[in-house]
Amino acid sequence: MSFEQQTARIERLVGLMERSQTGTAKELAIKLNVSRRTVFNDFEFLKGKGYDIFYCYVDGSYRFEKKRENPLFF
């Protein structure tokens, strides 16, 4: 798989997560046409870039944890 294809897959994954449309890891693997292991490897890649990822049972989707803003200290 080329770098461009991997980049496109990660961008699609991020879009699905932002819209809460991933489904389970198995469903996500089917949507991305990859293995479940690749899905989890992609999650690890994103975590390494500073993203917090969790599975929301209410939405039935993987999502990004909302970043908390640091309060200003004077």
PDB file of N, CA and C in Angstrom:
ATOM      1  N   MET A   1       0.854  -1.180   0.000  1.00  0.00           N
ATOM      2  CA  MET A   1       0.000   0.000   0.000  1.00  0.00           C
ATOM      3  C   MET A   1       0.897   1.239   0.000  1.00  0.00           C
ATOM      4  N   SER A   2       0.569   2.180  -0.833  1.00  0.00           N
ATOM      5  CA  SER A   2       1.379   3.389  -0.959  1.00  0.00           C
ATOM      6  C   SER A   2       1.098   4.372   0.181  1.00  0.00           C
ATOM      7  N   PHE A   3       2.008   5.303   0.338  1.00  0.00           N
ATOM      8  CA  PHE A   3       1.849   6.344   1.346  1.00  0.00           C
ATOM      9  C   PHE A   3       0.559   7.128   1.102  1.00  0.00           C
ATOM     10  N   GLU A   4       0.259   7.415  -0.148  1.00  0.00           N
ATOM     11  CA  GLU A   4      -0.956   8.165  -0.487  1.00  0.00           C
ATOM     12  C   GLU A   4      -2.203   7.393  -0.100  1.00  0.00           C
ATOM     13  N   GLN A   5      -2.188   6.072  -0.309  1.00  0.00           N
ATOM     14  CA  GLN A   5      -3.337   5.249   0.056  1.00  0.00           C
ATOM     15  C   GLN A   5      -3.507   5.190   1.567  1.00  0.00           C
ATOM     16  N   GLN A   6      -2.392   5.072   2.291  1.00  0.00           N
ATOM     17  CA  GLN A   6      -2.463   5.057   3.754  1.00  0.00           C
ATOM     18  C   GLN A   6      -2.976   6.388   4.288  1.00  0.00           C
ATOM     19  N   THR A   7      -2.495   7.467   3.703  1.00  0.00           N
ATOM     20  CA  THR A   7      -2.941   8.798   4.121  1.00  0.00           C
ATOM     21  C   THR A   7      -4.433   8.965   3.864  1.00  0.00           C
ATOM     22  N   ALA A   8      -4.899   8.518   2.709  1.00  0.00           N
ATOM     23  CA  ALA A   8      -6.321   8.613   2.378  1.00  0.00           C
ATOM     24  C   ALA A   8      -7.150   7.786   3.361  1.00  0.00           C
ATOM     25  N   ARG A   9      -6.647   6.600   3.747  1.00  0.00           N
ATOM     26  CA  ARG A   9      -7.374   5.756   4.694  1.00  0.00           C
ATOM     27  C   ARG A   9      -7.468   6.429   6.053  1.00  0.00           C
ATOM     28  N   ILE A  10      -6.371   6.997   6.523  1.00  0.00           N
ATOM     29  CA  ILE A  10      -6.378   7.688   7.821  1.00  0.00           C
ATOM     30  C   ILE A  10      -7.334   8.875   7.771  1.00  0.00           C
ATOM     31  N   GLU A  11      -7.326   9.623   6.687  1.00  0.00           N
ATOM     32  CA  GLU A  11      -8.244  10.763   6.553  1.00  0.00           C
ATOM     33  C   GLU A  11      -9.686  10.296   6.572  1.00  0.00           C
ATOM     34  N   ARG A  12      -9.977   9.167   5.924  1.00  0.00           N
ATOM     35  CA  ARG A  12     -11.344   8.637   5.930  1.00  0.00           C
ATOM     36  C   ARG A  12     -11.713   8.178   7.337  1.00  0.00           C
ATOM     37  N   LEU A  13     -10.775   7.528   8.017  1.00  0.00           N
ATOM     38  CA  LEU A  13     -11.004   7.091   9.392  1.00  0.00           C
ATOM     39  C   LEU A  13     -11.320   8.273  10.294  1.00  0.00           C
ATOM     40  N   VAL A  14     -10.543   9.319  10.193  1.00  0.00           N
ATOM     41  CA  VAL A  14     -10.772  10.527  11.005  1.00  0.00           C
ATOM     42  C   VAL A  14     -12.157  11.099  10.708  1.00  0.00           C
ATOM     43  N   GLY A  15     -12.531  11.170   9.447  1.00  0.00           N
ATOM     44  CA  GLY A  15     -13.853  11.682   9.080  1.00  0.00           C
ATOM     45  C   GLY A  15     -14.976  10.852   9.664  1.00  0.00           C
ATOM     46  N   LEU A  16     -14.846   9.530   9.588  1.00  0.00           N
ATOM     47  CA  LEU A  16     -15.865   8.654  10.172  1.00  0.00           C
ATOM     48  C   LEU A  16     -15.955   8.843  11.680  1.00  0.00           C
ATOM     49  N   MET A  17     -14.806   9.006  12.326  1.00  0.00           N
ATOM     50  CA  MET A  17     -14.805   9.203  13.771  1.00  0.00           C
ATOM     51  C   MET A  17     -15.429  10.541  14.137  1.00  0.00           C
ATOM     52  N   GLU A  18     -15.136  11.571  13.387  1.00  0.00           N
ATOM     53  CA  GLU A  18     -15.703  12.897  13.680  1.00  0.00           C
ATOM     54  C   GLU A  18     -17.215  12.902  13.529  1.00  0.00           C
ATOM     55  N   ARG A  19     -17.742  12.050  12.644  1.00  0.00           N
ATOM     56  CA  ARG A  19     -19.187  11.965  12.418  1.00  0.00           C
ATOM     57  C   ARG A  19     -19.836  10.826  13.206  1.00  0.00           C
ATOM     58  N   SER A  20     -19.043  10.151  14.059  1.00  0.00           N
ATOM     59  CA  SER A  20     -19.528   9.010  14.855  1.00  0.00           C
ATOM     60  C   SER A  20     -20.176   7.959  13.971  1.00  0.00           C
ATOM     61  N   GLN A  21     -19.469   7.572  12.900  1.00  0.00           N
ATOM     62  CA  GLN A  21     -20.007   6.603  11.946  1.00  0.00           C
ATOM     63  C   GLN A  21     -19.094   5.397  11.731  1.00  0.00           C
ATOM     64  N   THR A  22     -18.246   5.076  12.721  1.00  0.00           N
ATOM     65  CA  THR A  22     -17.319   3.968  12.516  1.00  0.00           C
ATOM     66  C   THR A  22     -17.969   2.615  12.724  1.00  0.00           C
ATOM     67  N   GLY A  23     -18.903   2.510  13.660  1.00  0.00           N
ATOM     68  CA  GLY A  23     -19.409   1.206  14.055  1.00  0.00           C
ATOM     69  C   GLY A  23     -18.347   0.503  14.888  1.00  0.00           C
ATOM     70  N   THR A  24     -18.459  -0.808  14.981  1.00  0.00           N
ATOM     71  CA  THR A  24     -17.487  -1.594  15.741  1.00  0.00           C
ATOM     72  C   THR A  24     -16.187  -1.686  14.953  1.00  0.00           C
ATOM     73  N   ALA A  25     -15.162  -2.260  15.580  1.00  0.00           N
ATOM     74  CA  ALA A  25     -13.882  -2.428  14.893  1.00  0.00           C
ATOM     75  C   ALA A  25     -14.054  -3.303  13.652  1.00  0.00           C
ATOM     76  N   LYS A  26     -14.860  -4.339  13.748  1.00  0.00           N
ATOM     77  CA  LYS A  26     -15.111  -5.219  12.602  1.00  0.00           C
ATOM     78  C   LYS A  26     -15.812  -4.460  11.475  1.00  0.00           C
ATOM     79  N   GLU A  27     -16.832  -3.686  11.833  1.00  0.00           N
ATOM     80  CA  GLU A  27     -17.556  -2.896  10.824  1.00  0.00           C
ATOM     81  C   GLU A  27     -16.648  -1.850  10.193  1.00  0.00           C
ATOM     82  N   LEU A  28     -15.802  -1.233  11.012  1.00  0.00           N
ATOM     83  CA  LEU A  28     -14.879  -0.225  10.516  1.00  0.00           C
ATOM     84  C   LEU A  28     -13.870  -0.848   9.547  1.00  0.00           C
ATOM     85  N   ALA A  29     -13.379  -2.031   9.886  1.00  0.00           N
ATOM     86  CA  ALA A  29     -12.441  -2.725   9.006  1.00  0.00           C
ATOM     87  C   ALA A  29     -13.077  -2.987   7.641  1.00  0.00           C
ATOM     88  N   ILE A  30     -14.335  -3.355   7.636  1.00  0.00           N
ATOM     89  CA  ILE A  30     -15.041  -3.592   6.376  1.00  0.00           C
ATOM     90  C   ILE A  30     -15.183  -2.287   5.599  1.00  0.00           C
ATOM     91  N   LYS A  31     -15.557  -1.213   6.283  1.00  0.00           N
ATOM     92  CA  LYS A  31     -15.707   0.091   5.622  1.00  0.00           C
ATOM     93  C   LYS A  31     -14.403   0.560   4.996  1.00  0.00           C
ATOM     94  N   LEU A  32     -13.283   0.294   5.681  1.00  0.00           N
ATOM     95  CA  LEU A  32     -11.983   0.748   5.202  1.00  0.00           C
ATOM     96  C   LEU A  32     -11.286  -0.299   4.320  1.00  0.00           C
ATOM     97  N   ASN A  33     -11.909  -1.489   4.212  1.00  0.00           N
ATOM     98  CA  ASN A  33     -11.356  -2.586   3.411  1.00  0.00           C
ATOM     99  C   ASN A  33      -9.967  -2.996   3.903  1.00  0.00           C
ATOM    100  N   VAL A  34      -9.850  -3.130   5.232  1.00  0.00           N
ATOM    101  CA  VAL A  34      -8.607  -3.562   5.872  1.00  0.00           C
ATOM    102  C   VAL A  34      -8.956  -4.568   6.966  1.00  0.00           C
ATOM    103  N   SER A  35      -7.948  -5.115   7.621  1.00  0.00           N
ATOM    104  CA  SER A  35      -8.178  -6.037   8.728  1.00  0.00           C
ATOM    105  C   SER A  35      -8.448  -5.259  10.020  1.00  0.00           C
ATOM    106  N   ARG A  36      -9.009  -5.959  11.007  1.00  0.00           N
ATOM    107  CA  ARG A  36      -9.215  -5.337  12.323  1.00  0.00           C
ATOM    108  C   ARG A  36      -7.876  -4.902  12.906  1.00  0.00           C
ATOM    109  N   ARG A  37      -6.832  -5.704  12.699  1.00  0.00           N
ATOM    110  CA  ARG A  37      -5.502  -5.364  13.212  1.00  0.00           C
ATOM    111  C   ARG A  37      -5.038  -4.034  12.637  1.00  0.00           C
ATOM    112  N   THR A  38      -5.298  -3.797  11.349  1.00  0.00           N
ATOM    113  CA  THR A  38      -4.916  -2.530  10.729  1.00  0.00           C
ATOM    114  C   THR A  38      -5.691  -1.377  11.346  1.00  0.00           C
ATOM    115  N   VAL A  39      -6.952  -1.596  11.656  1.00  0.00           N
ATOM    116  CA  VAL A  39      -7.753  -0.562  12.325  1.00  0.00           C
ATOM    117  C   VAL A  39      -7.092  -0.169  13.640  1.00  0.00           C
ATOM    118  N   PHE A  40      -6.707  -1.168  14.437  1.00  0.00           N
ATOM    119  CA  PHE A  40      -6.086  -0.867  15.728  1.00  0.00           C
ATOM    120  C   PHE A  40      -4.699  -0.259  15.552  1.00  0.00           C
ATOM    121  N   ASN A  41      -3.978  -0.660  14.524  1.00  0.00           N
ATOM    122  CA  ASN A  41      -2.686  -0.023  14.224  1.00  0.00           C
ATOM    123  C   ASN A  41      -2.895   1.447  13.863  1.00  0.00           C
ATOM    124  N   ASP A  42      -3.953   1.739  13.106  1.00  0.00           N
ATOM    125  CA  ASP A  42      -4.260   3.133  12.758  1.00  0.00           C
ATOM    126  C   ASP A  42      -4.618   3.938  14.002  1.00  0.00           C
ATOM    127  N   PHE A  43      -5.365   3.322  14.927  1.00  0.00           N
ATOM    128  CA  PHE A  43      -5.674   3.999  16.190  1.00  0.00           C
ATOM    129  C   PHE A  43      -4.384   4.320  16.942  1.00  0.00           C
ATOM    130  N   GLU A  44      -3.462   3.367  16.995  1.00  0.00           N
ATOM    131  CA  GLU A  44      -2.192   3.596  17.682  1.00  0.00           C
ATOM    132  C   GLU A  44      -1.404   4.718  17.009  1.00  0.00           C
ATOM    133  N   PHE A  45      -1.441   4.775  15.688  1.00  0.00           N
ATOM    134  CA  PHE A  45      -0.782   5.860  14.964  1.00  0.00           C
ATOM    135  C   PHE A  45      -1.371   7.201  15.383  1.00  0.00           C
ATOM    136  N   LEU A  46      -2.715   7.282  15.409  1.00  0.00           N
ATOM    137  CA  LEU A  46      -3.374   8.535  15.791  1.00  0.00           C
ATOM    138  C   LEU A  46      -3.091   8.889  17.250  1.00  0.00           C
ATOM    139  N   LYS A  47      -3.071   7.885  18.121  1.00  0.00           N
ATOM    140  CA  LYS A  47      -2.746   8.140  19.532  1.00  0.00           C
ATOM    141  C   LYS A  47      -1.336   8.696  19.662  1.00  0.00           C
ATOM    142  N   GLY A  48      -0.426   8.185  18.833  1.00  0.00           N
ATOM    143  CA  GLY A  48       0.934   8.685  18.832  1.00  0.00           C
ATOM    144  C   GLY A  48       1.029  10.133  18.378  1.00  0.00           C
ATOM    145  N   LYS A  49       0.029  10.580  17.625  1.00  0.00           N
ATOM    146  CA  LYS A  49      -0.039  11.969  17.168  1.00  0.00           C
ATOM    147  C   LYS A  49      -0.784  12.850  18.157  1.00  0.00           C
ATOM    148  N   GLY A  50      -1.184  12.285  19.317  1.00  0.00           N
ATOM    149  CA  GLY A  50      -1.819  13.084  20.361  1.00  0.00           C
ATOM    150  C   GLY A  50      -3.328  12.986  20.449  1.00  0.00           C
ATOM    151  N   TYR A  51      -3.940  12.138  19.645  1.00  0.00           N
ATOM    152  CA  TYR A  51      -5.389  11.983  19.703  1.00  0.00           C
ATOM    153  C   TYR A  51      -5.765  10.985  20.794  1.00  0.00           C
ATOM    154  N   ASP A  52      -6.811  11.291  21.545  1.00  0.00           N
ATOM    155  CA  ASP A  52      -7.378  10.360  22.516  1.00  0.00           C
ATOM    156  C   ASP A  52      -8.594   9.730  21.863  1.00  0.00           C
ATOM    157  N   ILE A  53      -8.617   8.412  21.788  1.00  0.00           N
ATOM    158  CA  ILE A  53      -9.676   7.687  21.091  1.00  0.00           C
ATOM    159  C   ILE A  53     -10.390   6.787  22.081  1.00  0.00           C
ATOM    160  N   PHE A  54     -11.719   6.727  21.975  1.00  0.00           N
ATOM    161  CA  PHE A  54     -12.491   5.816  22.812  1.00  0.00           C
ATOM    162  C   PHE A  54     -13.684   5.308  22.018  1.00  0.00           C
ATOM    163  N   TYR A  55     -14.263   4.213  22.491  1.00  0.00           N
ATOM    164  CA  TYR A  55     -15.462   3.673  21.864  1.00  0.00           C
ATOM    165  C   TYR A  55     -16.664   4.142  22.651  1.00  0.00           C
ATOM    166  N   CYS A  56     -17.591   4.806  21.984  1.00  0.00           N
ATOM    167  CA  CYS A  56     -18.813   5.302  22.619  1.00  0.00           C
ATOM    168  C   CYS A  56     -19.925   4.271  22.403  1.00  0.00           C
ATOM    169  N   TYR A  57     -20.360   3.645  23.483  1.00  0.00           N
ATOM    170  CA  TYR A  57     -21.397   2.628  23.381  1.00  0.00           C
ATOM    171  C   TYR A  57     -22.756   3.223  23.033  1.00  0.00           C
ATOM    172  N   VAL A  58     -22.972   4.473  23.362  1.00  0.00           N
ATOM    173  CA  VAL A  58     -24.236   5.139  23.035  1.00  0.00           C
ATOM    174  C   VAL A  58     -24.347   5.317  21.520  1.00  0.00           C
ATOM    175  N   ASP A  59     -23.283   5.832  20.898  1.00  0.00           N
ATOM    176  CA  ASP A  59     -23.272   6.057  19.448  1.00  0.00           C
ATOM    177  C   ASP A  59     -22.906   4.800  18.671  1.00  0.00           C
ATOM    178  N   GLY A  60     -22.270   3.837  19.331  1.00  0.00           N
ATOM    179  CA  GLY A  60     -21.798   2.651  18.637  1.00  0.00           C
ATOM    180  C   GLY A  60     -20.688   2.998  17.665  1.00  0.00           C
ATOM    181  N   SER A  61     -19.776   3.883  18.104  1.00  0.00           N
ATOM    182  CA  SER A  61     -18.726   4.380  17.222  1.00  0.00           C
ATOM    183  C   SER A  61     -17.493   4.758  18.020  1.00  0.00           C
ATOM    184  N   TYR A  62     -16.348   4.630  17.367  1.00  0.00           N
ATOM    185  CA  TYR A  62     -15.118   5.171  17.941  1.00  0.00           C
ATOM    186  C   TYR A  62     -15.149   6.676  17.750  1.00  0.00           C
ATOM    187  N   ARG A  63     -14.647   7.388  18.752  1.00  0.00           N
ATOM    188  CA  ARG A  63     -14.669   8.845  18.712  1.00  0.00           C
ATOM    189  C   ARG A  63     -13.390   9.401  19.310  1.00  0.00           C
ATOM    190  N   PHE A  64     -13.218  10.690  19.097  1.00  0.00           N
ATOM    191  CA  PHE A  64     -12.110  11.406  19.727  1.00  0.00           C
ATOM    192  C   PHE A  64     -12.597  11.988  21.031  1.00  0.00           C
ATOM    193  N   GLU A  65     -11.776  11.877  22.059  1.00  0.00           N
ATOM    194  CA  GLU A  65     -12.071  12.519  23.337  1.00  0.00           C
ATOM    195  C   GLU A  65     -11.948  14.016  23.136  1.00  0.00           C
ATOM    196  N   LYS A  66     -12.898  14.748  23.658  1.00  0.00           N
ATOM    197  CA  LYS A  66     -12.825  16.209  23.554  1.00  0.00           C
ATOM    198  C   LYS A  66     -11.631  16.700  24.350  1.00  0.00           C
ATOM    199  N   LYS A  67     -10.857  17.542  23.745  1.00  0.00           N
ATOM    200  CA  LYS A  67      -9.705  18.121  24.438  1.00  0.00           C
ATOM    201  C   LYS A  67     -10.192  19.180  25.424  1.00  0.00           C
ATOM    202  N   ARG A  68      -9.688  19.112  26.625  1.00  0.00           N
ATOM    203  CA  ARG A  68     -10.020  20.122  27.615  1.00  0.00           C
ATOM    204  C   ARG A  68      -9.053  21.286  27.456  1.00  0.00           C
ATOM    205  N   GLU A  69      -9.602  22.454  27.457  1.00  0.00           N
ATOM    206  CA  GLU A  69      -8.763  23.646  27.346  1.00  0.00           C
ATOM    207  C   GLU A  69      -8.137  23.922  28.701  1.00  0.00           C
ATOM    208  N   ASN A  70      -6.889  24.270  28.683  1.00  0.00           N
ATOM    209  CA  ASN A  70      -6.210  24.633  29.926  1.00  0.00           C
ATOM    210  C   ASN A  70      -6.638  26.029  30.354  1.00  0.00           C
ATOM    211  N   PRO A  71      -6.989  26.165  31.617  1.00  0.00           N
ATOM    212  CA  PRO A  71      -7.347  27.512  32.074  1.00  0.00           C
ATOM    213  C   PRO A  71      -6.120  28.417  32.053  1.00  0.00           C
ATOM    214  N   LEU A  72      -6.380  29.671  31.878  1.00  0.00           N
ATOM    215  CA  LEU A  72      -5.285  30.639  31.885  1.00  0.00           C
ATOM    216  C   LEU A  72      -4.865  30.922  33.318  1.00  0.00           C
ATOM    217  N   PHE A  73      -3.571  30.917  33.537  1.00  0.00           N
ATOM    218  CA  PHE A  73      -3.049  31.234  34.853  1.00  0.00           C
ATOM    219  C   PHE A  73      -2.302  32.548  34.770  1.00  0.00           C
ATOM    220  N   PHE A  74      -2.571  33.422  35.703  1.00  0.00           N
ATOM    221  CA  PHE A  74      -1.927  34.730  35.730  1.00  0.00           C
ATOM    222  C   PHE A  74      -0.880  34.763  36.803  1.00  0.00           C
TER     223      PHE A  74
END
